[in-house]
Amino acid sequence: MDTGTIIELVTVRTWPAFALAVAIVAAASALAALILHRGVRLLARHRGWDYGRIGRIVGPFLTLVAVVGMWIAVRVTLPSPTGSTPSDASPSSS
């Protein structure tokens, strides 16, 4: 299989694929939040930093990660209103 075929298989634009992509991004964002939260808390405790001040930085960063991840998932997998895929929209040679 060539790379174009693999990309087309991965970026199927159907509603179930869209739902799956959103679920994957939500789970990945939650996992990233857990890992970052635990890491920052451990680092703050180890170095004697005030976690209350540092903890306020983590929230907006995680929100940014979740929003960018959702944007990518929507951009790649959201079906078009007409039901056509990008490969269907290729210019004709007439």
PDB file of N, CA and C in Angstrom:
ATOM      1  N   MET A   1       0.836  -1.182   0.000  1.00  0.00           N
ATOM      2  CA  MET A   1       0.000   0.000   0.000  1.00  0.00           C
ATOM      3  C   MET A   1       0.877   1.241   0.000  1.00  0.00           C
ATOM      4  N   ASP A   2       0.460   2.227  -0.766  1.00  0.00           N
ATOM      5  CA  ASP A   2       1.209   3.475  -0.757  1.00  0.00           C
ATOM      6  C   ASP A   2       0.678   4.389   0.349  1.00  0.00           C
ATOM      7  N   THR A   3       1.384   5.466   0.598  1.00  0.00           N
ATOM      8  CA  THR A   3       1.047   6.367   1.698  1.00  0.00           C
ATOM      9  C   THR A   3      -0.323   7.013   1.509  1.00  0.00           C
ATOM     10  N   GLY A   4      -0.682   7.361   0.280  1.00  0.00           N
ATOM     11  CA  GLY A   4      -1.976   7.987   0.023  1.00  0.00           C
ATOM     12  C   GLY A   4      -3.136   7.088   0.398  1.00  0.00           C
ATOM     13  N   THR A   5      -3.012   5.809   0.119  1.00  0.00           N
ATOM     14  CA  THR A   5      -4.070   4.861   0.466  1.00  0.00           C
ATOM     15  C   THR A   5      -4.198   4.728   1.976  1.00  0.00           C
ATOM     16  N   ILE A   6      -3.089   4.686   2.670  1.00  0.00           N
ATOM     17  CA  ILE A   6      -3.117   4.569   4.127  1.00  0.00           C
ATOM     18  C   ILE A   6      -3.771   5.797   4.736  1.00  0.00           C
ATOM     19  N   ILE A   7      -3.419   6.977   4.256  1.00  0.00           N
ATOM     20  CA  ILE A   7      -4.010   8.206   4.786  1.00  0.00           C
ATOM     21  C   ILE A   7      -5.504   8.235   4.533  1.00  0.00           C
ATOM     22  N   GLU A   8      -5.948   7.788   3.348  1.00  0.00           N
ATOM     23  CA  GLU A   8      -7.376   7.758   3.059  1.00  0.00           C
ATOM     24  C   GLU A   8      -8.106   6.768   3.960  1.00  0.00           C
ATOM     25  N   LEU A   9      -7.483   5.643   4.288  1.00  0.00           N
ATOM     26  CA  LEU A   9      -8.106   4.683   5.183  1.00  0.00           C
ATOM     27  C   LEU A   9      -8.216   5.214   6.604  1.00  0.00           C
ATOM     28  N   VAL A  10      -7.206   5.957   7.038  1.00  0.00           N
ATOM     29  CA  VAL A  10      -7.195   6.485   8.402  1.00  0.00           C
ATOM     30  C   VAL A  10      -8.163   7.650   8.541  1.00  0.00           C
ATOM     31  N   THR A  11      -8.336   8.441   7.509  1.00  0.00           N
ATOM     32  CA  THR A  11      -9.173   9.642   7.594  1.00  0.00           C
ATOM     33  C   THR A  11     -10.528   9.431   6.930  1.00  0.00           C
ATOM     34  N   VAL A  12     -11.170   8.333   7.253  1.00  0.00           N
ATOM     35  CA  VAL A  12     -12.510   8.065   6.737  1.00  0.00           C
ATOM     36  C   VAL A  12     -13.453   9.113   7.317  1.00  0.00           C
ATOM     37  N   ARG A  13     -14.219   9.753   6.453  1.00  0.00           N
ATOM     38  CA  ARG A  13     -15.096  10.836   6.908  1.00  0.00           C
ATOM     39  C   ARG A  13     -16.539  10.340   7.049  1.00  0.00           C
ATOM     40  N   THR A  14     -16.769   9.606   8.141  1.00  0.00           N
ATOM     41  CA  THR A  14     -18.108   9.144   8.463  1.00  0.00           C
ATOM     42  C   THR A  14     -18.418   9.574   9.888  1.00  0.00           C
ATOM     43  N   TRP A  15     -19.686   9.520  10.257  1.00  0.00           N
ATOM     44  CA  TRP A  15     -20.059   9.925  11.616  1.00  0.00           C
ATOM     45  C   TRP A  15     -19.476   9.005  12.681  1.00  0.00           C
ATOM     46  N   PRO A  16     -19.453   7.688  12.481  1.00  0.00           N
ATOM     47  CA  PRO A  16     -18.799   6.849  13.505  1.00  0.00           C
ATOM     48  C   PRO A  16     -17.302   7.148  13.646  1.00  0.00           C
ATOM     49  N   ALA A  17     -16.630   7.429  12.532  1.00  0.00           N
ATOM     50  CA  ALA A  17     -15.205   7.779  12.603  1.00  0.00           C
ATOM     51  C   ALA A  17     -15.017   9.096  13.338  1.00  0.00           C
ATOM     52  N   PHE A  18     -15.935  10.041  13.111  1.00  0.00           N
ATOM     53  CA  PHE A  18     -15.877  11.325  13.810  1.00  0.00           C
ATOM     54  C   PHE A  18     -16.056  11.123  15.319  1.00  0.00           C
ATOM     55  N   ALA A  19     -17.052  10.329  15.698  1.00  0.00           N
ATOM     56  CA  ALA A  19     -17.295  10.063  17.121  1.00  0.00           C
ATOM     57  C   ALA A  19     -16.102   9.369  17.760  1.00  0.00           C
ATOM     58  N   LEU A  20     -15.507   8.429  17.046  1.00  0.00           N
ATOM     59  CA  LEU A  20     -14.336   7.732  17.556  1.00  0.00           C
ATOM     60  C   LEU A  20     -13.150   8.687  17.715  1.00  0.00           C
ATOM     61  N   ALA A  21     -12.942   9.560  16.758  1.00  0.00           N
ATOM     62  CA  ALA A  21     -11.839  10.526  16.845  1.00  0.00           C
ATOM     63  C   ALA A  21     -12.025  11.468  18.026  1.00  0.00           C
ATOM     64  N   VAL A  22     -13.244  11.937  18.235  1.00  0.00           N
ATOM     65  CA  VAL A  22     -13.509  12.833  19.367  1.00  0.00           C
ATOM     66  C   VAL A  22     -13.298  12.091  20.689  1.00  0.00           C
ATOM     67  N   ALA A  23     -13.731  10.842  20.764  1.00  0.00           N
ATOM     68  CA  ALA A  23     -13.530  10.054  21.986  1.00  0.00           C
ATOM     69  C   ALA A  23     -12.046   9.818  22.253  1.00  0.00           C
ATOM     70  N   ILE A  24     -11.280   9.540  21.207  1.00  0.00           N
ATOM     71  CA  ILE A  24      -9.841   9.327  21.372  1.00  0.00           C
ATOM     72  C   ILE A  24      -9.160  10.592  21.859  1.00  0.00           C
ATOM     73  N   VAL A  25      -9.531  11.736  21.290  1.00  0.00           N
ATOM     74  CA  VAL A  25      -8.927  13.012  21.713  1.00  0.00           C
ATOM     75  C   VAL A  25      -9.319  13.335  23.151  1.00  0.00           C
ATOM     76  N   ALA A  26     -10.571  13.080  23.524  1.00  0.00           N
ATOM     77  CA  ALA A  26     -10.995  13.340  24.901  1.00  0.00           C
ATOM     78  C   ALA A  26     -10.216  12.467  25.881  1.00  0.00           C
ATOM     79  N   ALA A  27     -10.039  11.196  25.547  1.00  0.00           N
ATOM     80  CA  ALA A  27      -9.283  10.298  26.423  1.00  0.00           C
ATOM     81  C   ALA A  27      -7.813  10.708  26.490  1.00  0.00           C
ATOM     82  N   ALA A  28      -7.241  11.090  25.352  1.00  0.00           N
ATOM     83  CA  ALA A  28      -5.833  11.515  25.343  1.00  0.00           C
ATOM     84  C   ALA A  28      -5.649  12.800  26.138  1.00  0.00           C
ATOM     85  N   SER A  29      -6.602  13.717  26.043  1.00  0.00           N
ATOM     86  CA  SER A  29      -6.524  14.964  26.814  1.00  0.00           C
ATOM     87  C   SER A  29      -6.631  14.679  28.305  1.00  0.00           C
ATOM     88  N   ALA A  30      -7.513  13.770  28.683  1.00  0.00           N
ATOM     89  CA  ALA A  30      -7.643  13.415  30.102  1.00  0.00           C
ATOM     90  C   ALA A  30      -6.364  12.750  30.621  1.00  0.00           C
ATOM     91  N   LEU A  31      -5.784  11.886  29.808  1.00  0.00           N
ATOM     92  CA  LEU A  31      -4.528  11.241  30.206  1.00  0.00           C
ATOM     93  C   LEU A  31      -3.399  12.259  30.312  1.00  0.00           C
ATOM     94  N   ALA A  32      -3.317  13.181  29.363  1.00  0.00           N
ATOM     95  CA  ALA A  32      -2.297  14.237  29.420  1.00  0.00           C
ATOM     96  C   ALA A  32      -2.503  15.111  30.647  1.00  0.00           C
ATOM     97  N   ALA A  33      -3.751  15.401  30.972  1.00  0.00           N
ATOM     98  CA  ALA A  33      -4.048  16.216  32.156  1.00  0.00           C
ATOM     99  C   ALA A  33      -3.581  15.506  33.426  1.00  0.00           C
ATOM    100  N   LEU A  34      -3.861  14.219  33.518  1.00  0.00           N
ATOM    101  CA  LEU A  34      -3.452  13.457  34.695  1.00  0.00           C
ATOM    102  C   LEU A  34      -1.935  13.421  34.827  1.00  0.00           C
ATOM    103  N   ILE A  35      -1.251  13.120  33.739  1.00  0.00           N
ATOM    104  CA  ILE A  35       0.217  13.036  33.778  1.00  0.00           C
ATOM    105  C   ILE A  35       0.833  14.397  34.104  1.00  0.00           C
ATOM    106  N   LEU A  36       0.352  15.449  33.471  1.00  0.00           N
ATOM    107  CA  LEU A  36       0.903  16.783  33.717  1.00  0.00           C
ATOM    108  C   LEU A  36       0.610  17.247  35.140  1.00  0.00           C
ATOM    109  N   HIS A  37      -0.606  16.999  35.609  1.00  0.00           N
ATOM    110  CA  HIS A  37      -0.981  17.398  36.964  1.00  0.00           C
ATOM    111  C   HIS A  37      -0.094  16.712  37.996  1.00  0.00           C
ATOM    112  N   ARG A  38       0.063  15.400  37.845  1.00  0.00           N
ATOM    113  CA  ARG A  38       0.902  14.658  38.799  1.00  0.00           C
ATOM    114  C   ARG A  38       2.368  15.093  38.713  1.00  0.00           C
ATOM    115  N   GLY A  39       2.860  15.304  37.491  1.00  0.00           N
ATOM    116  CA  GLY A  39       4.249  15.717  37.326  1.00  0.00           C
ATOM    117  C   GLY A  39       4.536  17.082  37.916  1.00  0.00           C
ATOM    118  N   VAL A  40       3.653  18.032  37.656  1.00  0.00           N
ATOM    119  CA  VAL A  40       3.857  19.386  38.189  1.00  0.00           C
ATOM    120  C   VAL A  40       3.731  19.384  39.702  1.00  0.00           C
ATOM    121  N   ARG A  41       2.783  18.629  40.228  1.00  0.00           N
ATOM    122  CA  ARG A  41       2.615  18.569  41.680  1.00  0.00           C
ATOM    123  C   ARG A  41       3.838  17.943  42.346  1.00  0.00           C
ATOM    124  N   LEU A  42       4.357  16.868  41.760  1.00  0.00           N
ATOM    125  CA  LEU A  42       5.544  16.214  42.307  1.00  0.00           C
ATOM    126  C   LEU A  42       6.762  17.136  42.224  1.00  0.00           C
ATOM    127  N   LEU A  43       6.914  17.809  41.094  1.00  0.00           N
ATOM    128  CA  LEU A  43       8.033  18.735  40.941  1.00  0.00           C
ATOM    129  C   LEU A  43       7.929  19.898  41.923  1.00  0.00           C
ATOM    130  N   ALA A  44       6.736  20.424  42.099  1.00  0.00           N
ATOM    131  CA  ALA A  44       6.553  21.536  43.035  1.00  0.00           C
ATOM    132  C   ALA A  44       6.849  21.097  44.464  1.00  0.00           C
ATOM    133  N   ARG A  45       6.415  19.918  44.823  1.00  0.00           N
ATOM    134  CA  ARG A  45       6.671  19.419  46.175  1.00  0.00           C
ATOM    135  C   ARG A  45       8.158  19.169  46.380  1.00  0.00           C
ATOM    136  N   HIS A  46       8.812  18.609  45.358  1.00  0.00           N
ATOM    137  CA  HIS A  46      10.236  18.285  45.454  1.00  0.00           C
ATOM    138  C   HIS A  46      11.090  19.547  45.565  1.00  0.00           C
ATOM    139  N   ARG A  47      10.728  20.573  44.823  1.00  0.00           N
ATOM    140  CA  ARG A  47      11.538  21.797  44.817  1.00  0.00           C
ATOM    141  C   ARG A  47      11.077  22.838  45.824  1.00  0.00           C
ATOM    142  N   GLY A  48       9.983  22.573  46.517  1.00  0.00           N
ATOM    143  CA  GLY A  48       9.501  23.505  47.531  1.00  0.00           C
ATOM    144  C   GLY A  48       8.736  24.688  46.954  1.00  0.00           C
ATOM    145  N   TRP A  49       8.214  24.548  45.750  1.00  0.00           N
ATOM    146  CA  TRP A  49       7.443  25.630  45.139  1.00  0.00           C
ATOM    147  C   TRP A  49       6.029  25.638  45.691  1.00  0.00           C
ATOM    148  N   ASP A  50       5.375  26.775  45.544  1.00  0.00           N
ATOM    149  CA  ASP A  50       3.976  26.902  45.948  1.00  0.00           C
ATOM    150  C   ASP A  50       3.106  26.344  44.818  1.00  0.00           C
ATOM    151  N   TYR A  51       2.498  25.194  45.049  1.00  0.00           N
ATOM    152  CA  TYR A  51       1.710  24.556  43.987  1.00  0.00           C
ATOM    153  C   TYR A  51       0.486  25.389  43.623  1.00  0.00           C
ATOM    154  N   GLY A  52      -0.045  26.153  44.551  1.00  0.00           N
ATOM    155  CA  GLY A  52      -1.221  26.979  44.259  1.00  0.00           C
ATOM    156  C   GLY A  52      -0.966  27.950  43.118  1.00  0.00           C
ATOM    157  N   ARG A  53       0.215  28.519  43.074  1.00  0.00           N
ATOM    158  CA  ARG A  53       0.538  29.466  42.004  1.00  0.00           C
ATOM    159  C   ARG A  53       0.835  28.750  40.693  1.00  0.00           C
ATOM    160  N   ILE A  54       1.550  27.637  40.759  1.00  0.00           N
ATOM    161  CA  ILE A  54       1.914  26.900  39.553  1.00  0.00           C
ATOM    162  C   ILE A  54       0.694  26.172  38.988  1.00  0.00           C
ATOM    163  N   GLY A  55      -0.178  25.701  39.860  1.00  0.00           N
ATOM    164  CA  GLY A  55      -1.354  24.971  39.425  1.00  0.00           C
ATOM    165  C   GLY A  55      -2.271  25.792  38.538  1.00  0.00           C
ATOM    166  N   ARG A  56      -2.262  27.108  38.715  1.00  0.00           N
ATOM    167  CA  ARG A  56      -3.091  27.979  37.876  1.00  0.00           C
ATOM    168  C   ARG A  56      -2.582  28.065  36.437  1.00  0.00           C
ATOM    169  N   ILE A  57      -1.336  27.721  36.218  1.00  0.00           N
ATOM    170  CA  ILE A  57      -0.775  27.732  34.864  1.00  0.00           C
ATOM    171  C   ILE A  57      -1.165  26.460  34.116  1.00  0.00           C
ATOM    172  N   VAL A  58      -1.309  25.366  34.830  1.00  0.00           N
ATOM    173  CA  VAL A  58      -1.566  24.073  34.203  1.00  0.00           C
ATOM    174  C   VAL A  58      -2.946  24.031  33.544  1.00  0.00           C
ATOM    175  N   GLY A  59      -3.955  24.599  34.182  1.00  0.00           N
ATOM    176  CA  GLY A  59      -5.325  24.559  33.662  1.00  0.00           C
ATOM    177  C   GLY A  59      -5.468  25.145  32.258  1.00  0.00           C
ATOM    178  N   PRO A  60      -5.042  26.379  32.041  1.00  0.00           N
ATOM    179  CA  PRO A  60      -5.144  26.931  30.688  1.00  0.00           C
ATOM    180  C   PRO A  60      -4.330  26.164  29.648  1.00  0.00           C
ATOM    181  N   PHE A  61      -3.186  25.621  30.038  1.00  0.00           N
ATOM    182  CA  PHE A  61      -2.387  24.836  29.105  1.00  0.00           C
ATOM    183  C   PHE A  61      -3.137  23.577  28.689  1.00  0.00           C
ATOM    184  N   LEU A  62      -3.746  22.887  29.640  1.00  0.00           N
ATOM    185  CA  LEU A  62      -4.505  21.677  29.319  1.00  0.00           C
ATOM    186  C   LEU A  62      -5.728  21.998  28.467  1.00  0.00           C
ATOM    187  N   THR A  63      -6.351  23.130  28.710  1.00  0.00           N
ATOM    188  CA  THR A  63      -7.481  23.552  27.883  1.00  0.00           C
ATOM    189  C   THR A  63      -7.022  23.782  26.450  1.00  0.00           C
ATOM    190  N   LEU A  64      -5.878  24.418  26.282  1.00  0.00           N
ATOM    191  CA  LEU A  64      -5.332  24.639  24.949  1.00  0.00           C
ATOM    192  C   LEU A  64      -5.037  23.311  24.247  1.00  0.00           C
ATOM    193  N   VAL A  65      -4.463  22.366  24.972  1.00  0.00           N
ATOM    194  CA  VAL A  65      -4.169  21.052  24.385  1.00  0.00           C
ATOM    195  C   VAL A  65      -5.462  20.367  23.946  1.00  0.00           C
ATOM    196  N   ALA A  66      -6.503  20.424  24.776  1.00  0.00           N
ATOM    197  CA  ALA A  66      -7.782  19.786  24.439  1.00  0.00           C
ATOM    198  C   ALA A  66      -8.440  20.455  23.238  1.00  0.00           C
ATOM    199  N   VAL A  67      -8.410  21.788  23.188  1.00  0.00           N
ATOM    200  CA  VAL A  67      -9.039  22.509  22.078  1.00  0.00           C
ATOM    201  C   VAL A  67      -8.314  22.231  20.762  1.00  0.00           C
ATOM    202  N   VAL A  68      -7.000  22.245  20.777  1.00  0.00           N
ATOM    203  CA  VAL A  68      -6.237  21.965  19.560  1.00  0.00           C
ATOM    204  C   VAL A  68      -6.460  20.518  19.117  1.00  0.00           C
ATOM    205  N   GLY A  69      -6.492  19.594  20.057  1.00  0.00           N
ATOM    206  CA  GLY A  69      -6.754  18.199  19.720  1.00  0.00           C
ATOM    207  C   GLY A  69      -8.131  18.000  19.120  1.00  0.00           C
ATOM    208  N   MET A  70      -9.135  18.648  19.696  1.00  0.00           N
ATOM    209  CA  MET A  70     -10.492  18.547  19.143  1.00  0.00           C
ATOM    210  C   MET A  70     -10.560  19.185  17.756  1.00  0.00           C
ATOM    211  N   TRP A  71      -9.871  20.302  17.571  1.00  0.00           N
ATOM    212  CA  TRP A  71      -9.877  20.959  16.264  1.00  0.00           C
ATOM    213  C   TRP A  71      -9.288  20.028  15.200  1.00  0.00           C
ATOM    214  N   ILE A  72      -8.198  19.363  15.538  1.00  0.00           N
ATOM    215  CA  ILE A  72      -7.577  18.431  14.589  1.00  0.00           C
ATOM    216  C   ILE A  72      -8.527  17.263  14.297  1.00  0.00           C
ATOM    217  N   ALA A  73      -9.170  16.720  15.333  1.00  0.00           N
ATOM    218  CA  ALA A  73     -10.095  15.602  15.129  1.00  0.00           C
ATOM    219  C   ALA A  73     -11.259  16.003  14.239  1.00  0.00           C
ATOM    220  N   VAL A  74     -11.806  17.190  14.462  1.00  0.00           N
ATOM    221  CA  VAL A  74     -12.930  17.667  13.648  1.00  0.00           C
ATOM    222  C   VAL A  74     -12.467  17.927  12.224  1.00  0.00           C
ATOM    223  N   ARG A  75     -11.338  18.538  12.074  1.00  0.00           N
ATOM    224  CA  ARG A  75     -10.828  18.886  10.749  1.00  0.00           C
ATOM    225  C   ARG A  75     -10.546  17.645   9.901  1.00  0.00           C
ATOM    226  N   VAL A  76     -10.063  16.592  10.544  1.00  0.00           N
ATOM    227  CA  VAL A  76      -9.666  15.400   9.801  1.00  0.00           C
ATOM    228  C   VAL A  76     -10.851  14.477   9.527  1.00  0.00           C
ATOM    229  N   THR A  77     -11.799  14.361  10.448  1.00  0.00           N
ATOM    230  CA  THR A  77     -12.809  13.312  10.325  1.00  0.00           C
ATOM    231  C   THR A  77     -14.247  13.782  10.169  1.00  0.00           C
ATOM    232  N   LEU A  78     -14.547  15.049  10.292  1.00  0.00           N
ATOM    233  CA  LEU A  78     -15.942  15.494  10.205  1.00  0.00           C
ATOM    234  C   LEU A  78     -16.463  15.333   8.776  1.00  0.00           C
ATOM    235  N   PRO A  79     -17.575  14.602   8.626  1.00  0.00           N
ATOM    236  CA  PRO A  79     -18.127  14.434   7.283  1.00  0.00           C
ATOM    237  C   PRO A  79     -18.652  15.763   6.744  1.00  0.00           C
ATOM    238  N   SER A  80     -18.565  15.941   5.441  1.00  0.00           N
ATOM    239  CA  SER A  80     -19.092  17.167   4.848  1.00  0.00           C
ATOM    240  C   SER A  80     -20.606  17.056   4.754  1.00  0.00           C
ATOM    241  N   PRO A  81     -21.315  18.189   4.697  1.00  0.00           N
ATOM    242  CA  PRO A  81     -22.777  18.149   4.634  1.00  0.00           C
ATOM    243  C   PRO A  81     -23.303  17.437   3.387  1.00  0.00           C
ATOM    244  N   THR A  82     -22.556  17.446   2.297  1.00  0.00           N
ATOM    245  CA  THR A  82     -23.011  16.807   1.067  1.00  0.00           C
ATOM    246  C   THR A  82     -22.677  15.329   1.020  1.00  0.00           C
ATOM    247  N   GLY A  83     -21.855  14.872   1.940  1.00  0.00           N
ATOM    248  CA  GLY A  83     -21.494  13.462   1.972  1.00  0.00           C
ATOM    249  C   GLY A  83     -20.323  13.108   1.087  1.00  0.00           C
ATOM    250  N   SER A  84     -19.742  14.103   0.407  1.00  0.00           N
ATOM    251  CA  SER A  84     -18.602  13.809  -0.461  1.00  0.00           C
ATOM    252  C   SER A  84     -17.319  13.837   0.351  1.00  0.00           C
ATOM    253  N   THR A  85     -16.335  13.128  -0.106  1.00  0.00           N
ATOM    254  CA  THR A  85     -15.030  13.119   0.536  1.00  0.00           C
ATOM    255  C   THR A  85     -14.072  13.956  -0.295  1.00  0.00           C
ATOM    256  N   PRO A  86     -12.934  14.357   0.260  1.00  0.00           N
ATOM    257  CA  PRO A  86     -11.983  15.137  -0.519  1.00  0.00           C
ATOM    258  C   PRO A  86     -11.538  14.434  -1.793  1.00  0.00           C
ATOM    259  N   SER A  87     -11.450  13.104  -1.767  1.00  0.00           N
ATOM    260  CA  SER A  87     -11.026  12.397  -2.980  1.00  0.00           C
ATOM    261  C   SER A  87     -12.119  12.443  -4.049  1.00  0.00           C
ATOM    262  N   ASP A  88     -13.395  12.603  -3.656  1.00  0.00           N
ATOM    263  CA  ASP A  88     -14.489  12.723  -4.613  1.00  0.00           C
ATOM    264  C   ASP A  88     -14.489  14.077  -5.306  1.00  0.00           C
ATOM    265  N   ALA A  89     -13.879  15.063  -4.663  1.00  0.00           N
ATOM    266  CA  ALA A  89     -13.918  16.428  -5.168  1.00  0.00           C
ATOM    267  C   ALA A  89     -12.758  16.738  -6.106  1.00  0.00           C
ATOM    268  N   SER A  90     -12.118  15.714  -6.648  1.00  0.00           N
ATOM    269  CA  SER A  90     -11.001  15.962  -7.536  1.00  0.00           C
ATOM    270  C   SER A  90     -11.512  16.596  -8.836  1.00  0.00           C
ATOM    271  N   PRO A  91     -10.729  17.500  -9.414  1.00  0.00           N
ATOM    272  CA  PRO A  91     -11.190  18.173 -10.641  1.00  0.00           C
ATOM    273  C   PRO A  91     -11.306  17.200 -11.794  1.00  0.00           C
ATOM    274  N   SER A  92     -12.313  17.404 -12.574  1.00  0.00           N
ATOM    275  CA  SER A  92     -12.500  16.524 -13.740  1.00  0.00           C
ATOM    276  C   SER A  92     -11.651  17.028 -14.899  1.00  0.00           C
ATOM    277  N   SER A  93     -11.380  16.151 -15.824  1.00  0.00           N
ATOM    278  CA  SER A  93     -10.510  16.506 -16.944  1.00  0.00           C
ATOM    279  C   SER A  93     -11.333  16.841 -18.191  1.00  0.00           C
ATOM    280  N   SER A  94     -12.447  17.543 -18.029  1.00  0.00           N
ATOM    281  CA  SER A  94     -13.260  17.878 -19.203  1.00  0.00           C
ATOM    282  C   SER A  94     -12.983  19.254 -19.726  1.00  0.00           C
TER     283      SER A  94
END
